[in-house]
Full PDB file with SEQRES, HELIX, SHEET, SSBOND, CRYST1, ORIGX, SCALE, CONECT and MASTER records, all heavy atoms in Angstrom:
SEQRES   1 A   40  MET THR LEU PRO ARG GLY ALA THR VAL GLU SER PRO GLU          
SEQRES   2 A   40  VAL GLN ALA GLN LEU ARG ALA ALA LEU HIS ARG ILE ALA          
SEQRES   3 A   40  LYS ALA VAL PRO GLY SER ARG ILE ALA SER PHE ALA SER          
SEQRES   4 A   40  THR                                                          
HELIX    1 AA1 PRO A   12  ALA A   28  1                                  17    
CRYST1    1.000    1.000    1.000  90.00  90.00  90.00 P 1           1          
ORIGX1      1.000000  0.000000  0.000000        0.00000                         
ORIGX2      0.000000  1.000000  0.000000        0.00000                         
ORIGX3      0.000000  0.000000  1.000000        0.00000                         
SCALE1      1.000000  0.000000  0.000000        0.00000                         
SCALE2      0.000000  1.000000  0.000000        0.00000                         
SCALE3      0.000000  0.000000  1.000000        0.00000                         
ATOM      1  N   MET A   1     111.767  83.290 110.757  1.00  0.00           N  
ATOM      2  CA  MET A   1     110.996  82.091 110.454  1.00  0.00           C  
ATOM      3  C   MET A   1     111.729  81.291 109.386  1.00  0.00           C  
ATOM      4  O   MET A   1     112.443  81.849 108.551  1.00  0.00           O  
ATOM      5  CB  MET A   1     109.602  82.463 109.962  1.00  0.00           C  
ATOM      6  CG  MET A   1     109.619  83.167 108.613  1.00  0.00           C  
ATOM      7  SD  MET A   1     108.023  83.514 107.945  1.00  0.00           S  
ATOM      8  CE  MET A   1     108.508  84.069 106.297  1.00  0.00           C  
ATOM      9  N   THR A   2     111.527  79.973 109.398  1.00  0.00           N  
ATOM     10  CA  THR A   2     112.099  79.078 108.399  1.00  0.00           C  
ATOM     11  C   THR A   2     110.966  78.335 107.717  1.00  0.00           C  
ATOM     12  O   THR A   2     110.203  77.613 108.388  1.00  0.00           O  
ATOM     13  CB  THR A   2     113.070  78.084 109.047  1.00  0.00           C  
ATOM     14  OG1 THR A   2     114.146  78.814 109.654  1.00  0.00           O  
ATOM     15  CG2 THR A   2     113.648  77.132 108.007  1.00  0.00           C  
ATOM     16  N   LEU A   3     110.839  78.510 106.412  1.00  0.00           N  
ATOM     17  CA  LEU A   3     109.745  77.910 105.645  1.00  0.00           C  
ATOM     18  C   LEU A   3     109.994  76.420 105.418  1.00  0.00           C  
ATOM     19  O   LEU A   3     111.132  75.955 105.445  1.00  0.00           O  
ATOM     20  CB  LEU A   3     109.612  78.619 104.301  1.00  0.00           C  
ATOM     21  CG  LEU A   3     109.283  80.114 104.348  1.00  0.00           C  
ATOM     22  CD1 LEU A   3     109.370  80.726 102.964  1.00  0.00           C  
ATOM     23  CD2 LEU A   3     107.900  80.338 104.943  1.00  0.00           C  
ATOM     24  N   PRO A   4     108.919  75.654 105.195  1.00  0.00           N  
ATOM     25  CA  PRO A   4     109.082  74.234 104.873  1.00  0.00           C  
ATOM     26  C   PRO A   4     109.873  74.054 103.584  1.00  0.00           C  
ATOM     27  O   PRO A   4     109.980  74.979 102.757  1.00  0.00           O  
ATOM     28  CB  PRO A   4     107.641  73.741 104.720  1.00  0.00           C  
ATOM     29  CG  PRO A   4     106.791  74.759 105.417  1.00  0.00           C  
ATOM     30  CD  PRO A   4     107.513  76.061 105.260  1.00  0.00           C  
ATOM     31  N   ARG A   5     110.437  72.873 103.390  1.00  0.00           N  
ATOM     32  CA  ARG A   5     111.188  72.583 102.170  1.00  0.00           C  
ATOM     33  C   ARG A   5     110.294  72.753 100.950  1.00  0.00           C  
ATOM     34  O   ARG A   5     109.137  72.359 100.949  1.00  0.00           O  
ATOM     35  CB  ARG A   5     111.751  71.164 102.219  1.00  0.00           C  
ATOM     36  CG  ARG A   5     112.802  70.964 103.288  1.00  0.00           C  
ATOM     37  CD  ARG A   5     113.453  69.596 103.184  1.00  0.00           C  
ATOM     38  NE  ARG A   5     114.438  69.401 104.247  1.00  0.00           N  
ATOM     39  CZ  ARG A   5     115.689  69.854 104.183  1.00  0.00           C  
ATOM     40  NH1 ARG A   5     116.091  70.520 103.098  1.00  0.00           N  
ATOM     41  NH2 ARG A   5     116.519  69.655 105.188  1.00  0.00           N  
ATOM     42  N   GLY A   6     110.872  73.354  99.931  1.00  0.00           N  
ATOM     43  CA  GLY A   6     110.134  73.605  98.700  1.00  0.00           C  
ATOM     44  C   GLY A   6     109.532  74.991  98.632  1.00  0.00           C  
ATOM     45  O   GLY A   6     109.145  75.445  97.547  1.00  0.00           O  
ATOM     46  N   ALA A   7     109.453  75.696  99.765  1.00  0.00           N  
ATOM     47  CA  ALA A   7     108.907  77.057  99.769  1.00  0.00           C  
ATOM     48  C   ALA A   7     110.035  78.069  99.881  1.00  0.00           C  
ATOM     49  O   ALA A   7     111.090  77.786 100.457  1.00  0.00           O  
ATOM     50  CB  ALA A   7     107.949  77.229 100.947  1.00  0.00           C  
ATOM     51  N   THR A   8     109.849  79.248  99.320  1.00  0.00           N  
ATOM     52  CA  THR A   8     110.830  80.323  99.401  1.00  0.00           C  
ATOM     53  C   THR A   8     110.131  81.634  99.699  1.00  0.00           C  
ATOM     54  O   THR A   8     108.911  81.772  99.484  1.00  0.00           O  
ATOM     55  CB  THR A   8     111.629  80.473  98.087  1.00  0.00           C  
ATOM     56  OG1 THR A   8     110.733  80.901  97.044  1.00  0.00           O  
ATOM     57  CG2 THR A   8     112.298  79.167  97.698  1.00  0.00           C  
ATOM     58  N   VAL A   9     110.896  82.597 100.153  1.00  0.00           N  
ATOM     59  CA  VAL A   9     110.307  83.887 100.514  1.00  0.00           C  
ATOM     60  C   VAL A   9     109.917  84.707  99.296  1.00  0.00           C  
ATOM     61  O   VAL A   9     109.220  85.716  99.429  1.00  0.00           O  
ATOM     62  CB  VAL A   9     111.288  84.696 101.384  1.00  0.00           C  
ATOM     63  CG1 VAL A   9     111.545  83.999 102.695  1.00  0.00           C  
ATOM     64  CG2 VAL A   9     112.586  84.957 100.653  1.00  0.00           C  
ATOM     65  N   GLU A  10     110.373  84.297  98.084  1.00  0.00           N  
ATOM     66  CA  GLU A  10     110.001  85.039  96.879  1.00  0.00           C  
ATOM     67  C   GLU A  10     108.537  84.860  96.519  1.00  0.00           C  
ATOM     68  O   GLU A  10     107.980  85.617  95.719  1.00  0.00           O  
ATOM     69  CB  GLU A  10     110.863  84.611  95.685  1.00  0.00           C  
ATOM     70  CG  GLU A  10     112.277  85.167  95.687  1.00  0.00           C  
ATOM     71  CD  GLU A  10     113.225  84.292  96.476  1.00  0.00           C  
ATOM     72  OE1 GLU A  10     112.742  83.308  97.099  1.00  0.00           O  
ATOM     73  OE2 GLU A  10     114.433  84.571  96.493  1.00  0.00           O  
ATOM     74  N   SER A  11     107.902  83.860  97.098  1.00  0.00           N  
ATOM     75  CA  SER A  11     106.498  83.584  96.792  1.00  0.00           C  
ATOM     76  C   SER A  11     105.624  84.783  97.161  1.00  0.00           C  
ATOM     77  O   SER A  11     105.699  85.281  98.292  1.00  0.00           O  
ATOM     78  CB  SER A  11     106.033  82.348  97.557  1.00  0.00           C  
ATOM     79  OG  SER A  11     104.632  82.253  97.542  1.00  0.00           O  
ATOM     80  N   PRO A  12     104.790  85.281  96.252  1.00  0.00           N  
ATOM     81  CA  PRO A  12     103.901  86.412  96.574  1.00  0.00           C  
ATOM     82  C   PRO A  12     103.005  86.124  97.776  1.00  0.00           C  
ATOM     83  O   PRO A  12     102.743  87.008  98.592  1.00  0.00           O  
ATOM     84  CB  PRO A  12     103.076  86.576  95.299  1.00  0.00           C  
ATOM     85  CG  PRO A  12     103.932  86.012  94.214  1.00  0.00           C  
ATOM     86  CD  PRO A  12     104.664  84.868  94.845  1.00  0.00           C  
ATOM     87  N   GLU A  13     102.559  84.874  97.905  1.00  0.00           N  
ATOM     88  CA  GLU A  13     101.689  84.531  99.022  1.00  0.00           C  
ATOM     89  C   GLU A  13     102.443  84.646 100.345  1.00  0.00           C  
ATOM     90  O   GLU A  13     101.913  85.168 101.338  1.00  0.00           O  
ATOM     91  CB  GLU A  13     101.155  83.110  98.841  1.00  0.00           C  
ATOM     92  CG  GLU A  13     100.186  82.689  99.937  1.00  0.00           C  
ATOM     93  CD  GLU A  13      99.672  81.271  99.737  1.00  0.00           C  
ATOM     94  OE1 GLU A  13     100.029  80.641  98.734  1.00  0.00           O  
ATOM     95  OE2 GLU A  13      98.924  80.801 100.616  1.00  0.00           O  
ATOM     96  N   VAL A  14     103.695  84.163 100.333  1.00  0.00           N  
ATOM     97  CA  VAL A  14     104.515  84.248 101.544  1.00  0.00           C  
ATOM     98  C   VAL A  14     104.763  85.709 101.914  1.00  0.00           C  
ATOM     99  O   VAL A  14     104.666  86.100 103.085  1.00  0.00           O  
ATOM    100  CB  VAL A  14     105.842  83.497 101.357  1.00  0.00           C  
ATOM    101  CG1 VAL A  14     106.818  83.819 102.487  1.00  0.00           C  
ATOM    102  CG2 VAL A  14     105.595  81.993 101.292  1.00  0.00           C  
ATOM    103  N   GLN A  15     105.081  86.537 100.930  1.00  0.00           N  
ATOM    104  CA  GLN A  15     105.350  87.945 101.203  1.00  0.00           C  
ATOM    105  C   GLN A  15     104.116  88.653 101.743  1.00  0.00           C  
ATOM    106  O   GLN A  15     104.207  89.505 102.626  1.00  0.00           O  
ATOM    107  CB  GLN A  15     105.865  88.627  99.948  1.00  0.00           C  
ATOM    108  CG  GLN A  15     107.247  88.142  99.509  1.00  0.00           C  
ATOM    109  CD  GLN A  15     107.850  89.008  98.423  1.00  0.00           C  
ATOM    110  OE1 GLN A  15     107.750  90.229  98.465  1.00  0.00           O  
ATOM    111  NE2 GLN A  15     108.503  88.372  97.455  1.00  0.00           N  
ATOM    112  N   ALA A  16     102.932  88.304 101.205  1.00  0.00           N  
ATOM    113  CA  ALA A  16     101.699  88.917 101.696  1.00  0.00           C  
ATOM    114  C   ALA A  16     101.452  88.528 103.150  1.00  0.00           C  
ATOM    115  O   ALA A  16     101.075  89.370 103.978  1.00  0.00           O  
ATOM    116  CB  ALA A  16     100.519  88.478 100.817  1.00  0.00           C  
ATOM    117  N   GLN A  17     101.669  87.250 103.470  1.00  0.00           N  
ATOM    118  CA  GLN A  17     101.492  86.810 104.853  1.00  0.00           C  
ATOM    119  C   GLN A  17     102.530  87.440 105.777  1.00  0.00           C  
ATOM    120  O   GLN A  17     102.233  87.758 106.938  1.00  0.00           O  
ATOM    121  CB  GLN A  17     101.586  85.283 104.914  1.00  0.00           C  
ATOM    122  CG  GLN A  17     100.432  84.568 104.224  1.00  0.00           C  
ATOM    123  CD  GLN A  17     100.612  83.056 104.245  1.00  0.00           C  
ATOM    124  OE1 GLN A  17     101.564  82.529 104.816  1.00  0.00           O  
ATOM    125  NE2 GLN A  17      99.677  82.341 103.593  1.00  0.00           N  
ATOM    126  N   LEU A  18     103.749  87.634 105.278  1.00  0.00           N  
ATOM    127  CA  LEU A  18     104.791  88.279 106.074  1.00  0.00           C  
ATOM    128  C   LEU A  18     104.423  89.725 106.381  1.00  0.00           C  
ATOM    129  O   LEU A  18     104.579  90.198 107.516  1.00  0.00           O  
ATOM    130  CB  LEU A  18     106.135  88.204 105.349  1.00  0.00           C  
ATOM    131  CG  LEU A  18     107.325  88.874 106.041  1.00  0.00           C  
ATOM    132  CD1 LEU A  18     107.549  88.272 107.426  1.00  0.00           C  
ATOM    133  CD2 LEU A  18     108.578  88.746 105.194  1.00  0.00           C  
ATOM    134  N   ARG A  19     103.902  90.425 105.356  1.00  0.00           N  
ATOM    135  CA  ARG A  19     103.494  91.822 105.584  1.00  0.00           C  
ATOM    136  C   ARG A  19     102.369  91.885 106.620  1.00  0.00           C  
ATOM    137  O   ARG A  19     102.342  92.778 107.468  1.00  0.00           O  
ATOM    138  CB  ARG A  19     103.050  92.450 104.266  1.00  0.00           C  
ATOM    139  CG  ARG A  19     104.206  92.936 103.388  1.00  0.00           C  
ATOM    140  CD  ARG A  19     103.716  93.809 102.234  1.00  0.00           C  
ATOM    141  NE  ARG A  19     103.030  92.997 101.245  1.00  0.00           N  
ATOM    142  CZ  ARG A  19     103.610  92.435 100.188  1.00  0.00           C  
ATOM    143  NH1 ARG A  19     104.923  92.604 100.004  1.00  0.00           N  
ATOM    144  NH2 ARG A  19     102.914  91.721  99.332  1.00  0.00           N  
ATOM    145  N   ALA A  20     101.458  90.930 106.572  1.00  0.00           N  
ATOM    146  CA  ALA A  20     100.338  90.915 107.526  1.00  0.00           C  
ATOM    147  C   ALA A  20     100.851  90.661 108.953  1.00  0.00           C  
ATOM    148  O   ALA A  20     100.388  91.287 109.913  1.00  0.00           O  
ATOM    149  CB  ALA A  20      99.326  89.843 107.121  1.00  0.00           C  
ATOM    150  N   ALA A  21     101.816  89.753 109.077  1.00  0.00           N  
ATOM    151  CA  ALA A  21     102.374  89.468 110.401  1.00  0.00           C  
ATOM    152  C   ALA A  21     103.086  90.692 110.968  1.00  0.00           C  
ATOM    153  O   ALA A  21     102.942  91.031 112.148  1.00  0.00           O  
ATOM    154  CB  ALA A  21     103.328  88.282 110.315  1.00  0.00           C  
ATOM    155  N   LEU A  22     103.858  91.362 110.127  1.00  0.00           N  
ATOM    156  CA  LEU A  22     104.577  92.553 110.588  1.00  0.00           C  
ATOM    157  C   LEU A  22     103.625  93.702 110.894  1.00  0.00           C  
ATOM    158  O   LEU A  22     103.904  94.538 111.767  1.00  0.00           O  
ATOM    159  CB  LEU A  22     105.615  92.966 109.547  1.00  0.00           C  
ATOM    160  CG  LEU A  22     106.761  91.970 109.345  1.00  0.00           C  
ATOM    161  CD1 LEU A  22     107.679  92.415 108.208  1.00  0.00           C  
ATOM    162  CD2 LEU A  22     107.572  91.799 110.626  1.00  0.00           C  
ATOM    163  N   HIS A  23     102.485  93.746 110.208  1.00  0.00           N  
ATOM    164  CA  HIS A  23     101.482  94.765 110.506  1.00  0.00           C  
ATOM    165  C   HIS A  23     100.913  94.546 111.908  1.00  0.00           C  
ATOM    166  O   HIS A  23     100.664  95.515 112.645  1.00  0.00           O  
ATOM    167  CB  HIS A  23     100.357  94.710 109.461  1.00  0.00           C  
ATOM    168  CG  HIS A  23      99.275  95.735 109.706  1.00  0.00           C  
ATOM    169  ND1 HIS A  23      99.482  97.086 109.570  1.00  0.00           N  
ATOM    170  CD2 HIS A  23      97.961  95.586 110.103  1.00  0.00           C  
ATOM    171  CE1 HIS A  23      98.361  97.743 109.860  1.00  0.00           C  
ATOM    172  NE2 HIS A  23      97.439  96.845 110.183  1.00  0.00           N  
ATOM    173  N   ARG A  24     100.738  93.284 112.282  1.00  0.00           N  
ATOM    174  CA  ARG A  24     100.271  92.980 113.641  1.00  0.00           C  
ATOM    175  C   ARG A  24     101.290  93.452 114.686  1.00  0.00           C  
ATOM    176  O   ARG A  24     100.914  93.989 115.739  1.00  0.00           O  
ATOM    177  CB  ARG A  24     100.022  91.478 113.792  1.00  0.00           C  
ATOM    178  CG  ARG A  24      98.883  90.938 112.950  1.00  0.00           C  
ATOM    179  CD  ARG A  24      98.838  89.411 113.000  1.00  0.00           C  
ATOM    180  NE  ARG A  24      98.481  88.931 114.314  1.00  0.00           N  
ATOM    181  CZ  ARG A  24      97.249  88.631 114.707  1.00  0.00           C  
ATOM    182  NH1 ARG A  24      96.244  88.768 113.864  1.00  0.00           N  
ATOM    183  NH2 ARG A  24      97.008  88.200 115.944  1.00  0.00           N  
ATOM    184  N   ILE A  25     102.566  93.268 114.398  1.00  0.00           N  
ATOM    185  CA  ILE A  25     103.609  93.734 115.326  1.00  0.00           C  
ATOM    186  C   ILE A  25     103.613  95.253 115.407  1.00  0.00           C  
ATOM    187  O   ILE A  25     103.755  95.839 116.495  1.00  0.00           O  
ATOM    188  CB  ILE A  25     104.986  93.197 114.893  1.00  0.00           C  
ATOM    189  CG1 ILE A  25     105.047  91.681 115.095  1.00  0.00           C  
ATOM    190  CG2 ILE A  25     106.107  93.881 115.676  1.00  0.00           C  
ATOM    191  CD1 ILE A  25     106.340  91.037 114.629  1.00  0.00           C  
ATOM    192  N   ALA A  26     103.440  95.920 114.246  1.00  0.00           N  
ATOM    193  CA  ALA A  26     103.423  97.382 114.238  1.00  0.00           C  
ATOM    194  C   ALA A  26     102.277  97.931 115.087  1.00  0.00           C  
ATOM    195  O   ALA A  26     102.421  98.954 115.770  1.00  0.00           O  
ATOM    196  CB  ALA A  26     103.307  97.892 112.803  1.00  0.00           C  
ATOM    197  N   LYS A  27     101.133  97.252 115.071  1.00  0.00           N  
ATOM    198  CA  LYS A  27     100.001  97.685 115.899  1.00  0.00           C  
ATOM    199  C   LYS A  27     100.276  97.420 117.380  1.00  0.00           C  
ATOM    200  O   LYS A  27      99.888  98.218 118.242  1.00  0.00           O  
ATOM    201  CB  LYS A  27      98.732  96.943 115.462  1.00  0.00           C  
ATOM    202  CG  LYS A  27      98.179  97.389 114.121  1.00  0.00           C  
ATOM    203  CD  LYS A  27      96.939  96.611 113.743  1.00  0.00           C  
ATOM    204  CE  LYS A  27      95.810  96.848 114.751  1.00  0.00           C  
ATOM    205  NZ  LYS A  27      94.572  96.125 114.365  1.00  0.00           N  
ATOM    206  N   ALA A  28     100.952  96.312 117.673  1.00  0.00           N  
ATOM    207  CA  ALA A  28     101.234  95.971 119.068  1.00  0.00           C  
ATOM    208  C   ALA A  28     102.310  96.857 119.668  1.00  0.00           C  
ATOM    209  O   ALA A  28     102.341  97.077 120.888  1.00  0.00           O  
ATOM    210  CB  ALA A  28     101.651  94.508 119.166  1.00  0.00           C  
ATOM    211  N   VAL A  29     103.224  97.362 118.827  1.00  0.00           N  
ATOM    212  CA  VAL A  29     104.316  98.217 119.286  1.00  0.00           C  
ATOM    213  C   VAL A  29     104.234  99.547 118.536  1.00  0.00           C  
ATOM    214  O   VAL A  29     104.923  99.766 117.529  1.00  0.00           O  
ATOM    215  CB  VAL A  29     105.689  97.548 119.059  1.00  0.00           C  
ATOM    216  CG1 VAL A  29     106.800  98.372 119.712  1.00  0.00           C  
ATOM    217  CG2 VAL A  29     105.711  96.128 119.598  1.00  0.00           C  
ATOM    218  N   PRO A  30     103.383 100.466 118.985  1.00  0.00           N  
ATOM    219  CA  PRO A  30     103.225 101.753 118.284  1.00  0.00           C  
ATOM    220  C   PRO A  30     104.539 102.522 118.205  1.00  0.00           C  
ATOM    221  O   PRO A  30     105.328 102.522 119.152  1.00  0.00           O  
ATOM    222  CB  PRO A  30     102.201 102.499 119.149  1.00  0.00           C  
ATOM    223  CG  PRO A  30     101.496 101.432 119.932  1.00  0.00           C  
ATOM    224  CD  PRO A  30     102.503 100.355 120.155  1.00  0.00           C  
ATOM    225  N   GLY A  31     104.763 103.159 117.055  1.00  0.00           N  
ATOM    226  CA  GLY A  31     105.967 103.955 116.861  1.00  0.00           C  
ATOM    227  C   GLY A  31     107.173 103.166 116.428  1.00  0.00           C  
ATOM    228  O   GLY A  31     108.269 103.725 116.288  1.00  0.00           O  
ATOM    229  N   SER A  32     107.008 101.860 116.220  1.00  0.00           N  
ATOM    230  CA  SER A  32     108.149 101.035 115.818  1.00  0.00           C  
ATOM    231  C   SER A  32     108.502 101.284 114.354  1.00  0.00           C  
ATOM    232  O   SER A  32     107.675 101.717 113.545  1.00  0.00           O  
ATOM    233  CB  SER A  32     107.849  99.554 116.046  1.00  0.00           C  
ATOM    234  OG  SER A  32     106.688  99.169 115.334  1.00  0.00           O  
ATOM    235  N   ARG A  33     109.743 101.007 114.019  1.00  0.00           N  
ATOM    236  CA  ARG A  33     110.270 101.160 112.650  1.00  0.00           C  
ATOM    237  C   ARG A  33     110.658  99.771 112.159  1.00  0.00           C  
ATOM    238  O   ARG A  33     111.471  99.096 112.787  1.00  0.00           O  
ATOM    239  CB  ARG A  33     111.470 102.110 112.698  1.00  0.00           C  
ATOM    240  CG  ARG A  33     112.162 102.357 111.397  1.00  0.00           C  
ATOM    241  CD  ARG A  33     113.126 103.548 111.546  1.00  0.00           C  
ATOM    242  NE  ARG A  33     113.979 103.454 112.712  1.00  0.00           N  
ATOM    243  CZ  ARG A  33     115.154 102.830 112.732  1.00  0.00           C  
ATOM    244  NH1 ARG A  33     115.601 102.217 111.645  1.00  0.00           N  
ATOM    245  NH2 ARG A  33     115.885 102.792 113.835  1.00  0.00           N  
ATOM    246  N   ILE A  34     110.070  99.329 111.032  1.00  0.00           N  
ATOM    247  CA  ILE A  34     110.209  97.939 110.592  1.00  0.00           C  
ATOM    248  C   ILE A  34     110.734  97.891 109.159  1.00  0.00           C  
ATOM    249  O   ILE A  34     110.308  98.667 108.302  1.00  0.00           O  
ATOM    250  CB  ILE A  34     108.857  97.200 110.669  1.00  0.00           C  
ATOM    251  CG1 ILE A  34     108.322  97.232 112.110  1.00  0.00           C  
ATOM    252  CG2 ILE A  34     108.994  95.756 110.199  1.00  0.00           C  
ATOM    253  CD1 ILE A  34     106.941  96.616 112.274  1.00  0.00           C  
ATOM    254  N   ALA A  35     111.646  96.982 108.934  1.00  0.00           N  
ATOM    255  CA  ALA A  35     112.164  96.732 107.574  1.00  0.00           C  
ATOM    256  C   ALA A  35     112.278  95.221 107.393  1.00  0.00           C  
ATOM    257  O   ALA A  35     112.662  94.503 108.313  1.00  0.00           O  
ATOM    258  CB  ALA A  35     113.524  97.392 107.383  1.00  0.00           C  
ATOM    259  N   SER A  36     111.940  94.739 106.180  1.00  0.00           N  
ATOM    260  CA  SER A  36     111.978  93.308 105.906  1.00  0.00           C  
ATOM    261  C   SER A  36     112.168  93.090 104.405  1.00  0.00           C  
ATOM    262  O   SER A  36     112.175  94.037 103.609  1.00  0.00           O  
ATOM    263  CB  SER A  36     110.676  92.639 106.359  1.00  0.00           C  
ATOM    264  OG  SER A  36     109.595  93.087 105.543  1.00  0.00           O  
ATOM    265  N   PHE A  37     112.294  91.842 104.023  1.00  0.00           N  
ATOM    266  CA  PHE A  37     112.384  91.505 102.595  1.00  0.00           C  
ATOM    267  C   PHE A  37     111.099  91.895 101.880  1.00  0.00           C  
ATOM    268  O   PHE A  37     111.124  92.362 100.739  1.00  0.00           O  
ATOM    269  CB  PHE A  37     112.652  90.008 102.426  1.00  0.00           C  
ATOM    270  CG  PHE A  37     112.712  89.566 100.997  1.00  0.00           C  
ATOM    271  CD1 PHE A  37     113.800  89.898 100.191  1.00  0.00           C  
ATOM    272  CD2 PHE A  37     111.674  88.831 100.430  1.00  0.00           C  
ATOM    273  CE1 PHE A  37     113.853  89.502  98.860  1.00  0.00           C  
ATOM    274  CE2 PHE A  37     111.726  88.427  99.106  1.00  0.00           C  
ATOM    275  CZ  PHE A  37     112.820  88.760  98.312  1.00  0.00           C  
ATOM    276  N   ALA A  38     109.956  91.754 102.573  1.00  0.00           N  
ATOM    277  CA  ALA A  38     108.676  92.094 101.953  1.00  0.00           C  
ATOM    278  C   ALA A  38     108.562  93.580 101.657  1.00  0.00           C  
ATOM    279  O   ALA A  38     107.917  93.989 100.686  1.00  0.00           O  
ATOM    280  CB  ALA A  38     107.531  91.650 102.856  1.00  0.00           C  
ATOM    281  N   SER A  39     109.218  94.430 102.483  1.00  0.00           N  
ATOM    282  CA  SER A  39     109.088  95.883 102.286  1.00  0.00           C  
ATOM    283  C   SER A  39     110.220  96.478 101.461  1.00  0.00           C  
ATOM    284  O   SER A  39     110.071  97.561 100.881  1.00  0.00           O  
ATOM    285  CB  SER A  39     109.025  96.590 103.642  1.00  0.00           C  
ATOM    286  OG  SER A  39     110.228  96.391 104.363  1.00  0.00           O  
ATOM    287  N   THR A  40     111.364  95.788 101.377  1.00  0.00           N  
ATOM    288  CA  THR A  40     112.520  96.349 100.671  1.00  0.00           C  
ATOM    289  C   THR A  40     112.986  95.506  99.487  1.00  0.00           C  
ATOM    290  O   THR A  40     113.641  96.045  98.591  1.00  0.00           O  
ATOM    291  CB  THR A  40     113.717  96.499 101.636  1.00  0.00           C  
ATOM    292  OG1 THR A  40     114.143  95.194 102.059  1.00  0.00           O  
ATOM    293  CG2 THR A  40     113.348  97.327 102.852  1.00  0.00           C  
TER     294      THR A  40                                                      
MASTER        0    0    0    1    0    0    0    6  293    1    0    4          
END                                                                             
């Protein structure tokens, strides 16, 4: 994803939303292994 100008991934709100999106993917694909900026 590419955030609008002025926003960065360091934002706590962005990271929380990213974790929520990846949680949806983890539920849709059981047994998957996920790594991202939000988790590492």
